[in-house]
Amino acid sequence: MVENLEHLLRRAARDPRASRAALYKELLRSETYLLTVDAPLMTGETKRVTRADASFPVWADKDAELGGVWVPVFPARDRVREFVAARALTAPKGKEFLWMGHMPGQVFALVRGVRRFAGLKLYLDRDSTVEVSWPEARALAEGRMPADGPVCRELPLDRLVIPAGARLSFGKLKPWEGEEKPVLLTMPEAGKFRPEDLRRLVRLPLGEGRHAWTPCRHFLQILHRLKTLGVDETGRFFEGLLTSQLSFEMYGEAEALCEWLAVRGHEAYAWLGLTAIYGRTGRLEDCAVLCRRATAKYPGERSFHVNGLRALLALGRRDEAGRRVEAALRLFPGDATLAEIGKDLVPAPAPASATP
């Protein structure tokens, strides 16, 4: 089974745009391994983790450009050792590198709790790695097969203005269902991307009923390049960047952006983004905790109350939600959304007793 998984990994790395249906199927029935950094194990001790928490120090690599982190996953124990050796990694004092095995399918749900999680990198060797993005990891965590073929998104902004004179390149993409002659558009000066990125595309309207496609990652590079060129008609560059990342389900990158904004004078906006990310990625406890802080510091921001209540209800904490919704309704009397949330939480007034 290991040999088959390694064969499929090598084939996917060699041709990133080929079908991965067989690889995904094999992943769901194969044991996989993570690299952790932890205290040395006692002789004969076995440690298995089935739920991520603060004591789960999984190794992850940061994307230097976009800030999300990618967790390497290995098809065999030997590949973990080779990864450490190839990078000449050194464990911190009092710690050592450990491999951790997981039963088929278990690892995908486990790593989604990693902060700034952008996806997995299936590692075979230096020349053979395969990315599994956040949406694909979610599907695998739920025991489903991810979509096979390019994931196509619509333009997340009202429009994209490219100034006259900007150098663009056009090419051809391999056809897929519903798109017989897809056109690739790139802006070479914006940055480079890899063949792997062509699995995640966004449609760019060209006018007169025409359109082209560009990798979602490259689209973000284009936004940065346009800002450098002074093209920011709305003055809302970071809002457009965050909107795009959320639309592309690049939640790890969006989380990194929000954390960056939070310490640069945009805390309320950044926290709004983080509560949305936590809610969409199922990190409900993180959402509830942040909303509690935010409602205390920014009580006039209604979204913190709404998002916090929804997180508490999803966690089954109805008593706390009931107290919170009463406080929110005092701040926003008559708010339809809060009233709808609270109708099953806030006890109705007792009917007046009849006069004898």
Protein backbone atom coordinates (compact mmCIF):
# COMPACT_ATOMS: atom_id res chain seq x y z
CA MET A 1 0.00 0.00 0.00
CA VAL A 2 2.85 2.40 0.85
CA GLU A 3 4.47 1.66 -2.51
CA ASN A 4 1.24 2.50 -4.34
CA LEU A 5 0.81 5.78 -2.44
CA GLU A 6 4.40 6.78 -3.16
CA HIS A 7 3.95 5.92 -6.84
CA LEU A 8 0.82 8.11 -7.03
CA LEU A 9 2.57 10.96 -5.20
CA ARG A 10 5.50 10.88 -7.59
CA ARG A 11 3.17 10.86 -10.60
CA ALA A 12 1.15 13.82 -9.24
CA ALA A 13 4.34 15.79 -8.56
CA ARG A 14 5.56 15.11 -12.08
CA ASP A 15 2.29 16.29 -13.67
CA PRO A 16 0.48 18.70 -11.28
CA ARG A 17 -2.48 19.20 -13.62
CA ALA A 18 -3.27 15.50 -14.09
CA SER A 19 -6.18 13.77 -12.36
CA ARG A 20 -5.62 13.05 -8.67
CA ALA A 21 -8.65 10.88 -8.08
CA ALA A 22 -6.54 7.75 -7.53
CA LEU A 23 -4.19 9.64 -5.17
CA TYR A 24 -7.05 10.98 -3.05
CA LYS A 25 -8.63 7.54 -2.85
CA GLU A 26 -5.35 6.01 -1.71
CA LEU A 27 -4.83 8.76 0.88
CA LEU A 28 -8.17 7.98 2.49
CA ARG A 29 -7.15 4.36 3.09
CA SER A 30 -3.46 4.83 3.95
CA GLU A 31 -1.68 5.50 7.23
CA THR A 32 0.23 8.78 7.14
CA TYR A 33 2.87 10.45 9.31
CA LEU A 34 3.60 13.91 10.71
CA LEU A 35 6.82 15.47 12.01
CA THR A 36 6.58 16.84 15.55
CA VAL A 37 9.02 18.51 17.92
CA ASP A 38 8.49 17.29 21.45
CA ALA A 39 10.15 16.02 24.62
CA PRO A 40 12.00 12.74 24.12
CA LEU A 41 9.83 9.66 24.60
CA MET A 42 10.56 7.14 27.31
CA THR A 43 11.81 3.74 26.18
CA GLY A 44 8.93 1.80 24.73
CA GLU A 45 6.50 4.71 25.03
CA THR A 46 4.00 5.23 22.22
CA LYS A 47 2.27 8.56 21.75
CA ARG A 48 -0.73 9.09 19.51
CA VAL A 49 -2.63 12.31 19.04
CA THR A 50 -6.21 12.26 17.83
CA ARG A 51 -7.09 15.85 18.63
CA ALA A 52 -5.03 19.01 18.16
CA ASP A 53 -4.40 21.26 21.14
CA ALA A 54 -1.67 23.49 22.55
CA SER A 55 0.45 20.40 23.34
CA PHE A 56 0.51 19.28 19.70
CA PRO A 57 3.72 20.82 18.26
CA VAL A 58 3.35 19.74 14.64
CA TRP A 59 6.03 20.90 12.19
CA ALA A 60 4.77 23.39 9.59
CA ASP A 61 6.45 25.57 6.95
CA LYS A 62 5.49 29.21 6.54
CA ASP A 63 4.75 30.60 3.09
CA ALA A 64 7.19 33.51 2.97
CA GLU A 65 5.05 35.44 0.48
CA LEU A 66 1.49 35.01 1.78
CA GLY A 67 2.03 33.98 5.40
CA GLY A 68 -0.04 30.78 5.58
CA VAL A 69 1.56 27.59 6.86
CA TRP A 70 1.76 24.23 5.12
CA VAL A 71 2.03 21.01 7.11
CA PRO A 72 4.22 18.29 5.57
CA VAL A 73 2.60 14.85 5.58
CA PHE A 74 4.60 11.71 4.83
CA PRO A 75 3.60 8.33 3.39
CA ALA A 76 6.17 6.41 5.50
CA ARG A 77 8.31 6.82 8.62
CA ASP A 78 11.53 6.76 6.61
CA ARG A 79 10.37 9.82 4.67
CA VAL A 80 10.16 11.80 7.91
CA ARG A 81 13.78 11.01 8.74
CA GLU A 82 14.86 11.88 5.19
CA PHE A 83 13.02 15.23 5.41
CA VAL A 84 14.86 16.17 8.61
CA ALA A 85 18.21 15.09 7.16
CA ALA A 86 17.69 16.84 3.82
CA ARG A 87 17.07 20.15 5.58
CA ALA A 88 19.74 19.59 8.23
CA LEU A 89 17.16 20.47 10.89
CA THR A 90 18.21 20.76 14.54
CA ALA A 91 15.73 20.29 17.37
CA PRO A 92 15.56 22.92 20.15
CA LYS A 93 17.34 22.15 23.42
CA GLY A 94 15.53 19.48 25.42
CA LYS A 95 13.42 18.46 22.42
CA GLU A 96 13.76 15.98 19.62
CA PHE A 97 12.14 15.30 16.28
CA LEU A 98 9.53 12.56 16.36
CA TRP A 99 7.37 10.95 13.72
CA MET A 100 3.73 10.45 14.57
CA GLY A 101 1.62 7.91 12.72
CA HIS A 102 -2.10 8.30 12.10
CA MET A 103 -4.74 5.88 10.97
CA PRO A 104 -6.19 6.34 7.46
CA GLY A 105 -7.96 9.69 7.02
CA GLN A 106 -7.31 10.85 10.58
CA VAL A 107 -4.56 13.37 9.85
CA PHE A 108 -6.72 15.63 7.66
CA ALA A 109 -9.06 16.69 10.47
CA LEU A 110 -6.22 16.90 12.96
CA VAL A 111 -4.06 19.44 11.13
CA ARG A 112 -6.95 21.80 10.37
CA GLY A 113 -6.58 23.09 13.92
CA VAL A 114 -3.10 24.42 13.15
CA ARG A 115 -2.91 28.20 13.30
CA ARG A 116 -2.77 29.85 9.84
CA PHE A 117 -3.29 26.44 8.23
CA ALA A 118 -3.17 26.84 4.43
CA GLY A 119 -2.93 23.18 3.48
CA LEU A 120 -0.81 20.04 3.39
CA LYS A 121 2.31 19.21 1.45
CA LEU A 122 2.56 15.51 0.74
CA TYR A 123 6.30 14.89 0.88
CA LEU A 124 8.14 12.11 -0.88
CA ASP A 125 11.52 13.75 -1.47
CA ARG A 126 12.93 17.16 -2.40
CA ASP A 127 11.73 16.86 -5.97
CA SER A 128 8.37 15.23 -5.24
CA THR A 129 5.89 17.21 -3.17
CA VAL A 130 2.17 17.63 -3.79
CA GLU A 131 -0.01 20.38 -2.30
CA VAL A 132 -3.40 19.68 -0.78
CA SER A 133 -5.07 23.06 -0.27
CA TRP A 134 -7.45 23.91 2.57
CA PRO A 135 -10.68 23.02 0.68
CA GLU A 136 -9.18 19.70 -0.41
CA ALA A 137 -8.02 18.93 3.14
CA ARG A 138 -11.53 19.68 4.40
CA ALA A 139 -13.06 17.26 1.90
CA LEU A 140 -10.60 14.52 2.90
CA ALA A 141 -11.27 15.22 6.60
CA GLU A 142 -14.95 14.56 5.90
CA GLY A 143 -14.14 11.36 4.03
CA ARG A 144 -15.03 12.89 0.67
CA MET A 145 -13.10 12.99 -2.59
CA PRO A 146 -11.95 16.53 -3.46
CA ALA A 147 -12.92 17.98 -6.81
CA ASP A 148 -10.71 16.61 -9.56
CA GLY A 149 -9.65 19.27 -12.02
CA PRO A 150 -9.24 23.02 -11.74
CA VAL A 151 -11.29 24.78 -9.07
CA CYS A 152 -12.70 27.84 -10.83
CA ARG A 153 -13.65 31.03 -8.97
CA GLU A 154 -15.39 34.18 -10.09
CA LEU A 155 -13.78 37.62 -9.77
CA PRO A 156 -14.18 38.50 -6.08
CA LEU A 157 -14.02 42.28 -6.68
CA ASP A 158 -16.40 44.60 -8.48
CA ARG A 159 -13.72 45.16 -11.10
CA LEU A 160 -9.99 44.92 -11.69
CA VAL A 161 -8.35 47.91 -13.35
CA ILE A 162 -5.06 47.19 -15.13
CA PRO A 163 -3.34 50.38 -16.32
CA ALA A 164 -2.38 50.97 -19.92
CA GLY A 165 1.18 49.90 -20.59
CA ALA A 166 1.20 47.11 -18.01
CA ARG A 167 2.83 44.06 -19.58
CA LEU A 168 0.55 41.06 -19.77
CA SER A 169 1.15 37.59 -21.16
CA PHE A 170 -1.43 35.24 -22.61
CA GLY A 171 -1.30 31.51 -23.10
CA LYS A 172 -3.44 28.41 -23.40
CA LEU A 173 -4.71 26.11 -20.72
CA LYS A 174 -5.74 22.48 -20.98
CA PRO A 175 -9.52 22.38 -21.64
CA TRP A 176 -11.97 21.19 -19.02
CA GLU A 177 -15.70 20.57 -18.97
CA GLY A 178 -17.52 23.76 -19.94
CA GLU A 179 -14.33 25.50 -21.10
CA GLU A 180 -13.15 24.38 -24.53
CA LYS A 181 -10.41 26.94 -25.16
CA PRO A 182 -9.39 28.48 -21.83
CA VAL A 183 -7.01 31.44 -22.01
CA LEU A 184 -4.34 32.05 -19.37
CA LEU A 185 -3.55 35.66 -18.41
CA THR A 186 -0.49 36.57 -16.35
CA MET A 187 1.39 39.71 -15.33
CA PRO A 188 5.05 38.63 -15.32
CA GLU A 189 6.18 41.59 -13.21
CA ALA A 190 3.71 40.65 -10.45
CA GLY A 191 5.49 37.44 -9.52
CA LYS A 192 6.00 33.80 -10.40
CA PHE A 193 3.74 30.84 -9.82
CA ARG A 194 4.10 27.10 -10.23
CA PRO A 195 2.23 24.56 -12.36
CA GLU A 196 0.55 23.40 -9.12
CA ASP A 197 -1.18 26.81 -8.88
CA LEU A 198 -3.03 26.16 -12.15
CA ARG A 199 -5.35 23.84 -10.22
CA ARG A 200 -6.96 26.91 -8.59
CA LEU A 201 -8.10 29.58 -11.06
CA VAL A 202 -10.10 32.82 -11.08
CA ARG A 203 -12.02 34.18 -14.07
CA LEU A 204 -11.01 37.65 -15.32
CA PRO A 205 -13.62 39.40 -17.54
CA LEU A 206 -12.00 41.04 -20.59
CA GLY A 207 -15.09 42.75 -22.01
CA GLU A 208 -17.21 41.98 -25.06
CA GLY A 209 -18.15 38.63 -23.57
CA ARG A 210 -14.55 37.42 -23.38
CA HIS A 211 -12.64 36.26 -20.32
CA ALA A 212 -9.33 34.75 -19.28
CA TRP A 213 -8.13 32.77 -16.29
CA THR A 214 -5.27 33.32 -13.86
CA PRO A 215 -4.15 31.30 -10.83
CA CYS A 216 -5.72 32.53 -7.58
CA ARG A 217 -2.27 32.94 -6.08
CA HIS A 218 -1.14 35.01 -9.06
CA PHE A 219 -4.27 37.16 -8.76
CA LEU A 220 -3.12 38.15 -5.27
CA GLN A 221 0.32 38.94 -6.68
CA ILE A 222 -1.35 41.13 -9.31
CA LEU A 223 -3.19 43.07 -6.59
CA HIS A 224 0.11 43.74 -4.84
CA ARG A 225 1.72 44.81 -8.11
CA LEU A 226 -1.13 47.20 -8.93
CA LYS A 227 -0.77 48.81 -5.50
CA THR A 228 2.94 49.28 -6.17
CA LEU A 229 2.03 50.97 -9.47
CA GLY A 230 -0.33 53.31 -7.62
CA VAL A 231 -3.53 51.72 -8.97
CA ASP A 232 -5.87 51.64 -5.98
CA GLU A 233 -8.96 53.51 -7.03
CA THR A 234 -10.94 52.82 -3.87
CA GLY A 235 -8.07 53.15 -1.40
CA ARG A 236 -9.17 49.83 0.07
CA PHE A 237 -6.32 47.57 -0.96
CA PHE A 238 -6.30 45.41 2.17
CA GLU A 239 -10.06 44.97 2.07
CA GLY A 240 -9.81 43.76 -1.53
CA LEU A 241 -6.95 41.44 -0.64
CA LEU A 242 -8.82 39.91 2.30
CA THR A 243 -12.05 39.61 0.31
CA SER A 244 -10.17 37.75 -2.40
CA GLN A 245 -8.48 35.34 0.01
CA LEU A 246 -11.79 34.52 1.69
CA SER A 247 -13.45 34.02 -1.70
CA PHE A 248 -10.65 31.65 -2.75
CA GLU A 249 -10.90 29.76 0.60
CA MET A 250 -7.28 30.66 1.30
CA TYR A 251 -8.05 30.85 5.00
CA GLY A 252 -4.52 30.38 6.32
CA GLU A 253 -3.28 33.28 4.20
CA ALA A 254 -6.28 35.39 5.26
CA GLU A 255 -5.58 34.63 8.93
CA ALA A 256 -1.97 35.72 8.49
CA LEU A 257 -3.09 38.98 6.83
CA CYS A 258 -5.56 39.73 9.64
CA GLU A 259 -2.95 39.12 12.32
CA TRP A 260 -0.59 41.44 10.45
CA LEU A 261 -3.25 44.15 10.23
CA ALA A 262 -4.20 43.80 13.90
CA VAL A 263 -0.81 45.05 15.10
CA ARG A 264 -0.70 47.89 12.58
CA GLY A 265 -3.62 49.99 13.72
CA HIS A 266 -6.49 48.02 12.18
CA GLU A 267 -7.42 45.79 15.09
CA ALA A 268 -11.23 46.00 14.86
CA TYR A 269 -11.23 45.26 11.12
CA ALA A 270 -8.70 42.46 11.57
CA TRP A 271 -10.76 40.89 14.35
CA LEU A 272 -13.84 40.98 12.13
CA GLY A 273 -11.88 39.08 9.52
CA LEU A 274 -10.61 36.56 12.05
CA THR A 275 -14.09 35.82 13.41
CA ALA A 276 -15.25 35.15 9.86
CA ILE A 277 -12.27 32.84 9.25
CA TYR A 278 -12.77 30.95 12.51
CA GLY A 279 -16.45 30.49 11.75
CA ARG A 280 -15.86 29.21 8.22
CA THR A 281 -13.09 26.83 9.25
CA GLY A 282 -14.94 25.33 12.21
CA ARG A 283 -12.69 26.85 14.90
CA LEU A 284 -15.71 27.73 17.00
CA GLU A 285 -13.94 27.99 20.35
CA ASP A 286 -11.44 30.47 18.89
CA CYS A 287 -14.37 32.44 17.43
CA ALA A 288 -16.24 32.53 20.74
CA VAL A 289 -13.16 33.64 22.68
CA LEU A 290 -12.25 36.40 20.23
CA CYS A 291 -15.84 37.68 20.05
CA ARG A 292 -15.96 37.87 23.84
CA ARG A 293 -12.87 40.09 23.81
CA ALA A 294 -14.15 42.11 20.89
CA THR A 295 -17.60 42.86 22.34
CA ALA A 296 -15.90 44.17 25.48
CA LYS A 297 -13.53 46.41 23.52
CA TYR A 298 -15.78 47.32 20.56
CA PRO A 299 -19.34 46.98 21.92
CA GLY A 300 -20.79 49.03 19.08
CA GLU A 301 -19.68 46.55 16.41
CA ARG A 302 -22.76 44.38 15.93
CA SER A 303 -20.98 41.62 13.98
CA PHE A 304 -18.96 40.57 17.02
CA HIS A 305 -22.17 39.95 18.96
CA VAL A 306 -23.78 37.97 16.12
CA ASN A 307 -20.71 35.85 15.32
CA GLY A 308 -20.05 35.15 18.99
CA LEU A 309 -23.62 34.01 19.57
CA ARG A 310 -23.57 31.70 16.57
CA ALA A 311 -20.32 30.15 17.77
CA LEU A 312 -21.71 29.58 21.28
CA LEU A 313 -24.85 27.95 19.92
CA ALA A 314 -22.80 25.67 17.66
CA LEU A 315 -20.75 24.71 20.73
CA GLY A 316 -23.94 23.91 22.64
CA ARG A 317 -23.39 26.65 25.25
CA ARG A 318 -26.97 27.89 25.35
CA ASP A 319 -26.92 29.41 28.83
CA GLU A 320 -23.97 31.62 27.99
CA ALA A 321 -25.56 32.49 24.65
CA GLY A 322 -28.76 33.48 26.43
CA ARG A 323 -26.92 35.92 28.66
CA ARG A 324 -24.99 37.34 25.75
CA VAL A 325 -28.02 37.85 23.51
CA GLU A 326 -29.83 39.78 26.25
CA ALA A 327 -26.86 42.11 26.56
CA ALA A 328 -26.65 42.49 22.77
CA LEU A 329 -30.34 43.32 22.45
CA ARG A 330 -29.94 46.09 25.01
CA LEU A 331 -27.29 47.61 22.72
CA PHE A 332 -29.22 46.94 19.50
CA PRO A 333 -32.93 46.96 20.39
CA GLY A 334 -35.14 45.71 17.62
CA ASP A 335 -32.28 44.11 15.64
CA ALA A 336 -33.95 41.38 13.59
CA THR A 337 -30.95 39.02 13.47
CA LEU A 338 -30.29 39.18 17.21
CA ALA A 339 -34.00 38.81 17.93
CA GLU A 340 -34.16 35.70 15.75
CA ILE A 341 -31.14 34.18 17.49
CA GLY A 342 -32.55 35.02 20.90
CA LYS A 343 -36.15 33.95 20.48
CA ASP A 344 -35.43 30.43 21.74
CA LEU A 345 -32.91 31.59 24.33
CA VAL A 346 -34.51 34.50 26.15
CA PRO A 347 -37.50 33.46 28.25
CA ALA A 348 -40.74 35.17 27.28
CA PRO A 349 -42.20 37.55 29.89
CA ALA A 350 -44.56 35.78 32.26
CA PRO A 351 -48.21 36.61 31.52
CA ALA A 352 -49.82 39.06 33.92
CA SER A 353 -51.84 37.30 36.59
CA ALA A 354 -55.60 37.79 36.42
CA THR A 355 -57.15 40.13 39.04
CA PRO A 356 -59.28 38.13 41.46
